[in-house]
Amino acid sequence: MYLVGAPHPHKADCQRSLEKLIGERRRLATDAEFFQEILHRYVAVNRRDAIQPAFDALLGIADEVLAVDRVAVIRAKEIVLGNPKLSARDAIHVAVMQQQGIEQPSALTPDSTASLELSASLRLSTPPQRRNRIRA
């Protein structure tokens, strides 16, 4: 949302991070929950006209949009129940990253860094049999 939304203190950080990742020719992926956030926010503030440009911008840079499926939502529930400070939205993102085996996610903003650090620690604490089920 920082990238496509209204002016915000993190907008410039997000743009710089994205430019760096593109310059490094990194593969960029997001998940369907991110697009749901755009829909939710712009409908809530009665800015439906901003939905298409936001989708166009993000689909133009994302190499892949990852699905949020049953396995991901069950894992997100486990994550959020075990981590009271983590938002439900971030738990979904972390669960999808784990499910897809994304081991070096990149944060575009300072806010997302905590989620990525948590993702790394959860990957280490997830039992191997569970890890295999998540990636299936």
N, C-alpha and C. Protein backbone atom coordinates (compact mmCIF):
# COMPACT_ATOMS: atom_id res chain seq x y z
N MET A 1 0.83 -1.19 0.00
CA MET A 1 0.00 0.00 0.00
C MET A 1 0.87 1.26 0.00
N TYR A 2 2.06 1.17 0.62
CA TYR A 2 2.92 2.35 0.62
C TYR A 2 3.32 2.74 -0.80
N LEU A 3 3.54 1.75 -1.61
CA LEU A 3 4.00 2.00 -2.98
C LEU A 3 2.93 2.69 -3.82
N VAL A 4 1.69 2.24 -3.70
CA VAL A 4 0.63 2.75 -4.57
C VAL A 4 -0.32 3.72 -3.87
N GLY A 5 -0.21 3.83 -2.54
CA GLY A 5 -1.15 4.64 -1.78
C GLY A 5 -0.77 6.11 -1.70
N ALA A 6 -1.50 6.79 -0.85
CA ALA A 6 -1.30 8.22 -0.61
C ALA A 6 0.08 8.46 0.02
N PRO A 7 0.51 9.72 0.05
CA PRO A 7 1.80 10.03 0.68
C PRO A 7 1.87 9.44 2.10
N HIS A 8 3.01 8.89 2.43
CA HIS A 8 3.22 8.25 3.72
C HIS A 8 4.71 8.29 4.04
N PRO A 9 5.09 8.34 5.31
CA PRO A 9 6.52 8.37 5.65
C PRO A 9 7.33 7.20 5.08
N HIS A 10 6.69 6.04 4.85
CA HIS A 10 7.41 4.88 4.33
C HIS A 10 7.41 4.79 2.80
N LYS A 11 6.71 5.69 2.13
CA LYS A 11 6.58 5.59 0.67
C LYS A 11 7.94 5.65 -0.03
N ALA A 12 8.76 6.59 0.34
CA ALA A 12 10.09 6.72 -0.29
C ALA A 12 10.96 5.51 0.00
N ASP A 13 10.90 4.99 1.25
CA ASP A 13 11.65 3.78 1.60
C ASP A 13 11.23 2.61 0.71
N CYS A 14 9.94 2.48 0.52
CA CYS A 14 9.40 1.41 -0.30
C CYS A 14 9.89 1.53 -1.74
N GLN A 15 9.83 2.73 -2.28
CA GLN A 15 10.27 2.95 -3.65
C GLN A 15 11.76 2.63 -3.82
N ARG A 16 12.58 3.08 -2.87
CA ARG A 16 14.02 2.80 -2.93
C ARG A 16 14.29 1.29 -2.85
N SER A 17 13.60 0.62 -1.93
CA SER A 17 13.80 -0.82 -1.80
C SER A 17 13.41 -1.56 -3.07
N LEU A 18 12.30 -1.16 -3.64
CA LEU A 18 11.84 -1.80 -4.88
C LEU A 18 12.84 -1.56 -6.01
N GLU A 19 13.31 -0.34 -6.15
CA GLU A 19 14.30 -0.03 -7.19
C GLU A 19 15.57 -0.87 -7.01
N LYS A 20 15.98 -1.06 -5.76
CA LYS A 20 17.17 -1.87 -5.48
C LYS A 20 16.93 -3.32 -5.90
N LEU A 21 15.78 -3.87 -5.54
CA LEU A 21 15.47 -5.26 -5.90
C LEU A 21 15.40 -5.45 -7.41
N ILE A 22 14.80 -4.49 -8.09
CA ILE A 22 14.70 -4.56 -9.55
C ILE A 22 16.10 -4.45 -10.15
N GLY A 23 16.91 -3.55 -9.62
CA GLY A 23 18.28 -3.39 -10.10
C GLY A 23 19.12 -4.65 -9.91
N GLU A 24 18.82 -5.40 -8.86
CA GLU A 24 19.52 -6.67 -8.59
C GLU A 24 18.91 -7.82 -9.39
N ARG A 25 17.90 -7.50 -10.18
CA ARG A 25 17.20 -8.51 -10.99
C ARG A 25 16.62 -9.62 -10.13
N ARG A 26 16.13 -9.23 -8.95
CA ARG A 26 15.51 -10.20 -8.04
C ARG A 26 14.12 -10.55 -8.55
N ARG A 27 13.72 -11.77 -8.36
CA ARG A 27 12.37 -12.20 -8.71
C ARG A 27 11.42 -11.65 -7.65
N LEU A 28 10.36 -11.00 -8.08
CA LEU A 28 9.43 -10.36 -7.15
C LEU A 28 8.12 -11.13 -7.11
N ALA A 29 7.73 -11.51 -5.91
CA ALA A 29 6.47 -12.22 -5.71
C ALA A 29 5.71 -11.57 -4.58
N THR A 30 4.42 -11.66 -4.66
CA THR A 30 3.54 -11.22 -3.59
C THR A 30 2.47 -12.28 -3.45
N ASP A 31 1.51 -12.05 -2.58
CA ASP A 31 0.43 -13.02 -2.47
C ASP A 31 -0.92 -12.35 -2.67
N ALA A 32 -1.92 -13.18 -2.84
CA ALA A 32 -3.27 -12.68 -3.13
C ALA A 32 -3.79 -11.79 -2.01
N GLU A 33 -3.35 -12.03 -0.79
CA GLU A 33 -3.79 -11.21 0.35
C GLU A 33 -3.42 -9.75 0.14
N PHE A 34 -2.29 -9.49 -0.52
CA PHE A 34 -1.89 -8.11 -0.75
C PHE A 34 -2.91 -7.40 -1.64
N PHE A 35 -3.42 -8.09 -2.63
CA PHE A 35 -4.42 -7.49 -3.51
C PHE A 35 -5.75 -7.30 -2.77
N GLN A 36 -6.05 -8.22 -1.85
CA GLN A 36 -7.24 -8.06 -1.02
C GLN A 36 -7.11 -6.80 -0.17
N GLU A 37 -5.91 -6.52 0.33
CA GLU A 37 -5.68 -5.31 1.12
C GLU A 37 -5.99 -4.05 0.29
N ILE A 38 -5.55 -4.06 -0.95
CA ILE A 38 -5.82 -2.92 -1.84
C ILE A 38 -7.32 -2.75 -2.04
N LEU A 39 -7.99 -3.85 -2.34
CA LEU A 39 -9.45 -3.78 -2.52
C LEU A 39 -10.12 -3.26 -1.26
N HIS A 40 -9.76 -3.83 -0.12
CA HIS A 40 -10.38 -3.44 1.14
C HIS A 40 -10.17 -1.95 1.43
N ARG A 41 -8.94 -1.51 1.30
CA ARG A 41 -8.63 -0.12 1.64
C ARG A 41 -9.32 0.88 0.73
N TYR A 42 -9.24 0.66 -0.57
CA TYR A 42 -9.83 1.63 -1.49
C TYR A 42 -11.35 1.61 -1.48
N VAL A 43 -11.94 0.47 -1.20
CA VAL A 43 -13.41 0.45 -1.05
C VAL A 43 -13.79 1.18 0.25
N ALA A 44 -13.02 0.95 1.32
CA ALA A 44 -13.32 1.58 2.62
C ALA A 44 -13.26 3.10 2.56
N VAL A 45 -12.37 3.65 1.74
CA VAL A 45 -12.23 5.10 1.65
C VAL A 45 -12.93 5.67 0.41
N ASN A 46 -13.77 4.83 -0.20
CA ASN A 46 -14.55 5.22 -1.38
C ASN A 46 -13.65 5.75 -2.50
N ARG A 47 -12.59 5.01 -2.79
CA ARG A 47 -11.66 5.36 -3.86
C ARG A 47 -11.56 4.22 -4.87
N ARG A 48 -12.69 3.72 -5.31
CA ARG A 48 -12.71 2.61 -6.25
C ARG A 48 -11.95 2.94 -7.53
N ASP A 49 -11.88 4.21 -7.87
CA ASP A 49 -11.14 4.63 -9.06
C ASP A 49 -9.65 4.34 -8.95
N ALA A 50 -9.15 4.16 -7.75
CA ALA A 50 -7.73 3.91 -7.54
C ALA A 50 -7.37 2.42 -7.61
N ILE A 51 -8.37 1.56 -7.62
CA ILE A 51 -8.11 0.12 -7.61
C ILE A 51 -7.39 -0.34 -8.88
N GLN A 52 -7.89 0.02 -10.04
CA GLN A 52 -7.27 -0.46 -11.28
C GLN A 52 -5.83 0.03 -11.44
N PRO A 53 -5.56 1.32 -11.21
CA PRO A 53 -4.15 1.75 -11.32
C PRO A 53 -3.23 1.04 -10.33
N ALA A 54 -3.73 0.78 -9.13
CA ALA A 54 -2.91 0.08 -8.14
C ALA A 54 -2.63 -1.35 -8.59
N PHE A 55 -3.66 -2.04 -9.08
CA PHE A 55 -3.48 -3.40 -9.58
C PHE A 55 -2.51 -3.40 -10.76
N ASP A 56 -2.69 -2.46 -11.68
CA ASP A 56 -1.81 -2.39 -12.85
C ASP A 56 -0.36 -2.21 -12.43
N ALA A 57 -0.11 -1.32 -11.47
CA ALA A 57 1.25 -1.06 -11.02
C ALA A 57 1.86 -2.31 -10.39
N LEU A 58 1.11 -2.96 -9.53
CA LEU A 58 1.66 -4.12 -8.83
C LEU A 58 1.80 -5.33 -9.73
N LEU A 59 0.83 -5.56 -10.60
CA LEU A 59 0.94 -6.68 -11.52
C LEU A 59 2.06 -6.44 -12.54
N GLY A 60 2.37 -5.17 -12.76
CA GLY A 60 3.44 -4.82 -13.68
C GLY A 60 4.82 -5.12 -13.15
N ILE A 61 4.97 -5.22 -11.83
CA ILE A 61 6.29 -5.49 -11.26
C ILE A 61 6.40 -6.87 -10.63
N ALA A 62 5.27 -7.48 -10.27
CA ALA A 62 5.30 -8.80 -9.63
C ALA A 62 5.50 -9.88 -10.68
N ASP A 63 6.49 -10.73 -10.46
CA ASP A 63 6.70 -11.86 -11.34
C ASP A 63 5.67 -12.95 -11.08
N GLU A 64 5.16 -12.98 -9.85
CA GLU A 64 4.22 -14.03 -9.48
C GLU A 64 3.33 -13.54 -8.35
N VAL A 65 2.07 -13.95 -8.39
CA VAL A 65 1.13 -13.72 -7.31
C VAL A 65 0.80 -15.09 -6.73
N LEU A 66 1.19 -15.30 -5.49
CA LEU A 66 1.02 -16.59 -4.83
C LEU A 66 -0.37 -16.72 -4.24
N ALA A 67 -0.91 -17.91 -4.32
CA ALA A 67 -2.26 -18.17 -3.79
C ALA A 67 -2.24 -18.28 -2.27
N VAL A 68 -3.35 -17.92 -1.69
CA VAL A 68 -3.58 -18.15 -0.27
C VAL A 68 -4.60 -19.29 -0.21
N ASP A 69 -4.12 -20.47 0.15
CA ASP A 69 -4.99 -21.63 0.14
C ASP A 69 -5.25 -22.15 1.55
N ARG A 70 -5.91 -23.29 1.62
CA ARG A 70 -6.28 -23.87 2.91
C ARG A 70 -5.07 -24.11 3.80
N VAL A 71 -4.02 -24.67 3.25
CA VAL A 71 -2.81 -24.94 4.04
C VAL A 71 -2.24 -23.63 4.59
N ALA A 72 -2.23 -22.59 3.77
CA ALA A 72 -1.68 -21.30 4.21
C ALA A 72 -2.53 -20.69 5.33
N VAL A 73 -3.85 -20.74 5.21
CA VAL A 73 -4.67 -20.11 6.25
C VAL A 73 -4.60 -20.89 7.56
N ILE A 74 -4.48 -22.21 7.48
CA ILE A 74 -4.33 -22.99 8.71
C ILE A 74 -2.99 -22.67 9.37
N ARG A 75 -1.94 -22.56 8.57
CA ARG A 75 -0.63 -22.20 9.12
C ARG A 75 -0.66 -20.78 9.68
N ALA A 76 -1.35 -19.86 9.01
CA ALA A 76 -1.46 -18.49 9.51
C ALA A 76 -2.15 -18.47 10.87
N LYS A 77 -3.16 -19.29 11.02
CA LYS A 77 -3.85 -19.38 12.32
C LYS A 77 -2.88 -19.83 13.40
N GLU A 78 -2.07 -20.85 13.10
CA GLU A 78 -1.08 -21.33 14.07
C GLU A 78 -0.08 -20.23 14.41
N ILE A 79 0.35 -19.51 13.39
CA ILE A 79 1.33 -18.44 13.59
C ILE A 79 0.75 -17.33 14.46
N VAL A 80 -0.44 -16.88 14.14
CA VAL A 80 -1.02 -15.75 14.88
C VAL A 80 -1.38 -16.14 16.31
N LEU A 81 -1.80 -17.39 16.52
CA LEU A 81 -2.11 -17.82 17.89
C LEU A 81 -0.85 -17.94 18.74
N GLY A 82 0.27 -18.19 18.11
CA GLY A 82 1.53 -18.31 18.84
C GLY A 82 2.32 -17.02 18.94
N ASN A 83 1.84 -15.97 18.29
CA ASN A 83 2.57 -14.70 18.25
C ASN A 83 1.60 -13.54 18.42
N PRO A 84 1.24 -13.21 19.66
CA PRO A 84 0.19 -12.21 19.90
C PRO A 84 0.45 -10.83 19.33
N LYS A 85 1.68 -10.48 19.04
CA LYS A 85 1.96 -9.13 18.50
C LYS A 85 1.88 -9.07 16.97
N LEU A 86 1.77 -10.22 16.33
CA LEU A 86 1.74 -10.26 14.87
C LEU A 86 0.31 -10.09 14.37
N SER A 87 0.13 -9.28 13.34
CA SER A 87 -1.20 -9.08 12.78
C SER A 87 -1.62 -10.30 11.97
N ALA A 88 -2.91 -10.46 11.79
CA ALA A 88 -3.45 -11.56 10.98
C ALA A 88 -2.93 -11.45 9.55
N ARG A 89 -2.90 -10.24 9.03
CA ARG A 89 -2.42 -10.01 7.67
C ARG A 89 -0.98 -10.47 7.52
N ASP A 90 -0.12 -10.10 8.47
CA ASP A 90 1.28 -10.51 8.39
C ASP A 90 1.42 -12.02 8.56
N ALA A 91 0.56 -12.63 9.37
CA ALA A 91 0.60 -14.08 9.54
C ALA A 91 0.30 -14.78 8.21
N ILE A 92 -0.64 -14.25 7.45
CA ILE A 92 -0.94 -14.82 6.14
C ILE A 92 0.29 -14.71 5.24
N HIS A 93 0.90 -13.54 5.20
CA HIS A 93 2.08 -13.35 4.35
C HIS A 93 3.20 -14.32 4.75
N VAL A 94 3.45 -14.46 6.05
CA VAL A 94 4.49 -15.37 6.53
C VAL A 94 4.15 -16.81 6.16
N ALA A 95 2.90 -17.21 6.35
CA ALA A 95 2.49 -18.58 6.03
C ALA A 95 2.69 -18.89 4.55
N VAL A 96 2.33 -17.95 3.70
CA VAL A 96 2.51 -18.16 2.25
C VAL A 96 4.00 -18.27 1.92
N MET A 97 4.83 -17.41 2.52
CA MET A 97 6.27 -17.49 2.28
C MET A 97 6.80 -18.85 2.69
N GLN A 98 6.38 -19.32 3.86
CA GLN A 98 6.83 -20.63 4.33
C GLN A 98 6.37 -21.73 3.37
N GLN A 99 5.12 -21.68 2.99
CA GLN A 99 4.55 -22.70 2.11
C GLN A 99 5.30 -22.77 0.79
N GLN A 100 5.72 -21.63 0.29
CA GLN A 100 6.40 -21.57 -1.00
C GLN A 100 7.92 -21.76 -0.88
N GLY A 101 8.39 -21.92 0.35
CA GLY A 101 9.82 -22.13 0.54
C GLY A 101 10.65 -20.89 0.28
N ILE A 102 10.06 -19.73 0.44
CA ILE A 102 10.79 -18.48 0.24
C ILE A 102 11.63 -18.24 1.49
N GLU A 103 12.93 -18.43 1.34
CA GLU A 103 13.82 -18.36 2.49
C GLU A 103 14.53 -17.03 2.63
N GLN A 104 14.53 -16.22 1.59
CA GLN A 104 15.16 -14.91 1.66
C GLN A 104 14.19 -13.84 1.18
N PRO A 105 13.09 -13.66 1.93
CA PRO A 105 12.15 -12.62 1.52
C PRO A 105 12.77 -11.25 1.73
N SER A 106 12.31 -10.29 0.98
CA SER A 106 12.80 -8.92 1.09
C SER A 106 11.71 -8.01 1.59
N ALA A 107 12.03 -7.23 2.58
CA ALA A 107 11.08 -6.26 3.11
C ALA A 107 11.19 -4.97 2.31
N LEU A 108 10.04 -4.44 1.94
CA LEU A 108 10.06 -3.15 1.25
C LEU A 108 9.97 -1.99 2.23
N THR A 109 9.51 -2.26 3.44
CA THR A 109 9.35 -1.20 4.43
C THR A 109 9.85 -1.66 5.79
N PRO A 110 10.14 -0.72 6.70
CA PRO A 110 10.54 -1.11 8.05
C PRO A 110 9.47 -1.93 8.76
N ASP A 111 8.19 -1.67 8.50
CA ASP A 111 7.11 -2.40 9.14
C ASP A 111 7.15 -3.88 8.81
N SER A 112 7.54 -4.22 7.59
CA SER A 112 7.51 -5.62 7.18
C SER A 112 8.74 -6.39 7.63
N THR A 113 9.77 -5.70 8.11
CA THR A 113 10.99 -6.38 8.54
C THR A 113 10.71 -7.32 9.70
N ALA A 114 9.89 -6.92 10.66
CA ALA A 114 9.59 -7.79 11.80
C ALA A 114 8.92 -9.07 11.34
N SER A 115 8.03 -8.98 10.37
CA SER A 115 7.36 -10.17 9.85
C SER A 115 8.35 -11.11 9.20
N LEU A 116 9.32 -10.56 8.49
CA LEU A 116 10.30 -11.38 7.82
C LEU A 116 11.22 -12.05 8.82
N GLU A 117 11.60 -11.33 9.88
CA GLU A 117 12.42 -11.93 10.92
C GLU A 117 11.67 -13.05 11.60
N LEU A 118 10.37 -12.84 11.84
CA LEU A 118 9.55 -13.87 12.44
C LEU A 118 9.47 -15.08 11.51
N SER A 119 9.33 -14.84 10.22
CA SER A 119 9.26 -15.93 9.26
C SER A 119 10.49 -16.82 9.37
N ALA A 120 11.66 -16.21 9.47
CA ALA A 120 12.89 -16.98 9.58
C ALA A 120 12.91 -17.79 10.88
N SER A 121 12.48 -17.20 11.98
CA SER A 121 12.50 -17.93 13.24
C SER A 121 11.45 -19.03 13.25
N LEU A 122 10.30 -18.81 12.64
CA LEU A 122 9.27 -19.84 12.58
C LEU A 122 9.71 -20.99 11.71
N ARG A 123 10.42 -20.72 10.66
CA ARG A 123 10.89 -21.78 9.77
C ARG A 123 11.78 -22.74 10.58
N LEU A 124 12.59 -22.17 11.45
CA LEU A 124 13.49 -23.00 12.25
C LEU A 124 12.73 -23.79 13.30
N SER A 125 11.62 -23.26 13.79
CA SER A 125 10.90 -23.93 14.87
C SER A 125 9.78 -24.83 14.37
N THR A 126 9.53 -24.87 13.08
CA THR A 126 8.46 -25.71 12.54
C THR A 126 8.97 -27.14 12.43
N PRO A 127 8.24 -28.10 13.02
CA PRO A 127 8.68 -29.49 12.92
C PRO A 127 8.81 -29.94 11.46
N PRO A 128 9.80 -30.80 11.15
CA PRO A 128 10.02 -31.22 9.76
C PRO A 128 8.79 -31.80 9.09
N GLN A 129 8.01 -32.65 9.76
CA GLN A 129 6.84 -33.22 9.12
C GLN A 129 5.83 -32.14 8.77
N ARG A 130 5.72 -31.13 9.56
CA ARG A 130 4.81 -30.01 9.26
C ARG A 130 5.35 -29.21 8.08
N ARG A 131 6.67 -29.00 8.07
CA ARG A 131 7.28 -28.25 7.00
C ARG A 131 6.98 -28.91 5.65
N ASN A 132 7.08 -30.23 5.60
CA ASN A 132 6.79 -30.93 4.34
C ASN A 132 5.34 -30.77 3.94
N ARG A 133 4.43 -30.81 4.87
CA ARG A 133 3.01 -30.62 4.55
C ARG A 133 2.74 -29.23 4.04
N ILE A 134 3.40 -28.25 4.62
CA ILE A 134 3.18 -26.86 4.20
C ILE A 134 3.62 -26.67 2.76
N ARG A 135 4.71 -27.24 2.36
CA ARG A 135 5.23 -27.02 1.02
C ARG A 135 4.52 -27.84 -0.05
N ALA A 136 3.71 -28.79 0.37
CA ALA A 136 3.02 -29.65 -0.61
C ALA A 136 1.98 -28.91 -1.41
